[in-house]
Protein backbone atom coordinates (compact mmCIF):
# COMPACT_ATOMS: atom_id res chain seq x y z
CA MET A 1 -3.28 25.70 -20.05
CA THR A 2 -4.75 22.19 -19.94
CA TYR A 3 -3.22 19.29 -18.10
CA ILE A 4 -4.11 15.77 -19.08
CA MET A 5 -3.12 13.14 -16.58
CA THR A 6 -3.01 9.59 -17.74
CA MET A 7 -3.85 6.91 -15.24
CA LYS A 8 -1.81 3.73 -15.25
CA THR A 9 -3.79 0.65 -16.21
CA ALA A 10 -3.15 -3.02 -15.57
CA SER A 11 -4.97 -6.20 -16.40
CA VAL A 12 -5.82 -8.54 -13.55
CA ALA A 13 -3.05 -10.89 -14.72
CA GLU A 14 -0.49 -8.04 -14.80
CA LEU A 15 -1.58 -6.87 -11.37
CA LYS A 16 -1.18 -10.36 -9.93
CA LYS A 17 2.21 -10.83 -11.57
CA HIS A 18 3.64 -7.43 -10.54
CA LEU A 19 1.62 -6.62 -7.42
CA SER A 20 4.60 -5.35 -5.42
CA SER A 21 5.57 -2.89 -8.15
CA PHE A 22 2.01 -1.58 -8.49
CA LEU A 23 1.74 -1.15 -4.72
CA VAL A 24 4.92 0.92 -4.71
CA LEU A 25 3.45 3.14 -7.45
CA ALA A 26 0.22 3.53 -5.47
CA GLN A 27 2.18 4.43 -2.35
CA GLU A 28 3.98 7.11 -4.37
CA GLY A 29 0.63 8.66 -5.34
CA GLU A 30 -0.15 6.92 -8.63
CA GLU A 31 -3.63 5.59 -9.25
CA ILE A 32 -3.89 2.27 -11.07
CA GLU A 33 -7.01 1.24 -12.94
CA VAL A 34 -7.51 -2.54 -13.00
CA LEU A 35 -9.04 -3.98 -16.16
CA LYS A 36 -10.75 -7.32 -16.71
CA HIS A 37 -11.20 -8.06 -20.42
CA ASN A 38 -10.46 -4.34 -21.07
CA ILE A 39 -13.32 -3.26 -18.77
CA PRO A 40 -12.38 -1.20 -15.68
CA ILE A 41 -13.29 -3.08 -12.50
CA ALA A 42 -11.24 -1.41 -9.75
CA HIS A 43 -8.88 1.40 -8.81
CA VAL A 44 -5.79 0.87 -6.66
CA ILE A 45 -4.83 3.97 -4.70
CA GLY A 46 -2.36 4.49 -1.90
CA ILE A 47 -3.03 5.67 1.63
CA PRO A 48 -1.64 9.12 2.44
CA ARG A 49 1.62 8.90 4.36
CA GLY A 50 0.44 11.27 7.09
CA THR A 51 -1.35 8.47 8.91
CA THR A 52 0.23 7.18 12.08
CA ASN A 53 -0.08 3.96 13.98
CA ARG A 54 -2.30 4.59 17.00
CA THR A 55 -1.58 1.29 18.75
CA ARG A 56 -0.81 1.79 22.41
CA LEU A 57 1.43 -0.99 23.64
CA GLY A 58 0.50 -2.30 27.06
CA CYS A 59 -2.97 -0.75 27.05
CA GLY A 60 -4.51 -4.10 28.03
CA GLN A 61 -2.12 -4.73 30.90
CA HIS A 62 -3.79 -6.30 33.96
CA THR A 63 -7.14 -6.68 32.17
CA GLY A 64 -7.20 -10.48 32.17
CA ARG A 65 -6.50 -13.29 34.59
CA ILE A 66 -5.38 -16.86 33.95
CA VAL A 67 -7.23 -19.41 36.06
CA GLY A 68 -5.96 -22.98 36.15
CA ASP A 69 -3.03 -24.75 34.54
CA LEU A 70 -2.26 -23.70 30.96
CA THR A 71 -0.54 -27.02 30.26
CA GLU A 72 -3.49 -29.15 31.37
CA SER A 73 -5.79 -30.50 28.64
CA LEU A 74 -9.35 -29.18 28.56
CA LEU A 75 -10.61 -32.49 27.12
CA PRO A 76 -11.05 -35.58 29.28
CA PRO A 77 -8.62 -38.41 28.33
CA ASP A 78 -11.37 -40.60 26.78
CA HIS A 79 -12.22 -37.85 24.29
CA TRP A 80 -8.69 -37.99 22.83
CA ASN A 81 -9.35 -41.52 21.54
CA MET A 82 -12.46 -40.25 19.74
CA LEU A 83 -10.43 -37.48 18.09
CA ARG A 84 -7.91 -40.06 16.86
CA GLY A 85 -10.73 -42.05 15.26
CA GLU A 86 -10.63 -44.75 17.89
CA LEU A 87 -13.91 -45.69 19.57
């Protein structure tokens, strides 16, 4: 028994126009071949769903310290005139 799987293809213009739809297909396991002037230039494949987010919230807690006034300008007042184009 022989199985022939056909890969979906899309031109660059089609991909740009229907990107959301192609991304859904890729997420569902489809592989999309991207063509430019009928020449394959890329493959769009999804990431397996088994991956998890490893971000640990709060892991940087107490690792930094604020020194000074956050509302105070770092530039001296005479520099502001220069930035406005006034000399």
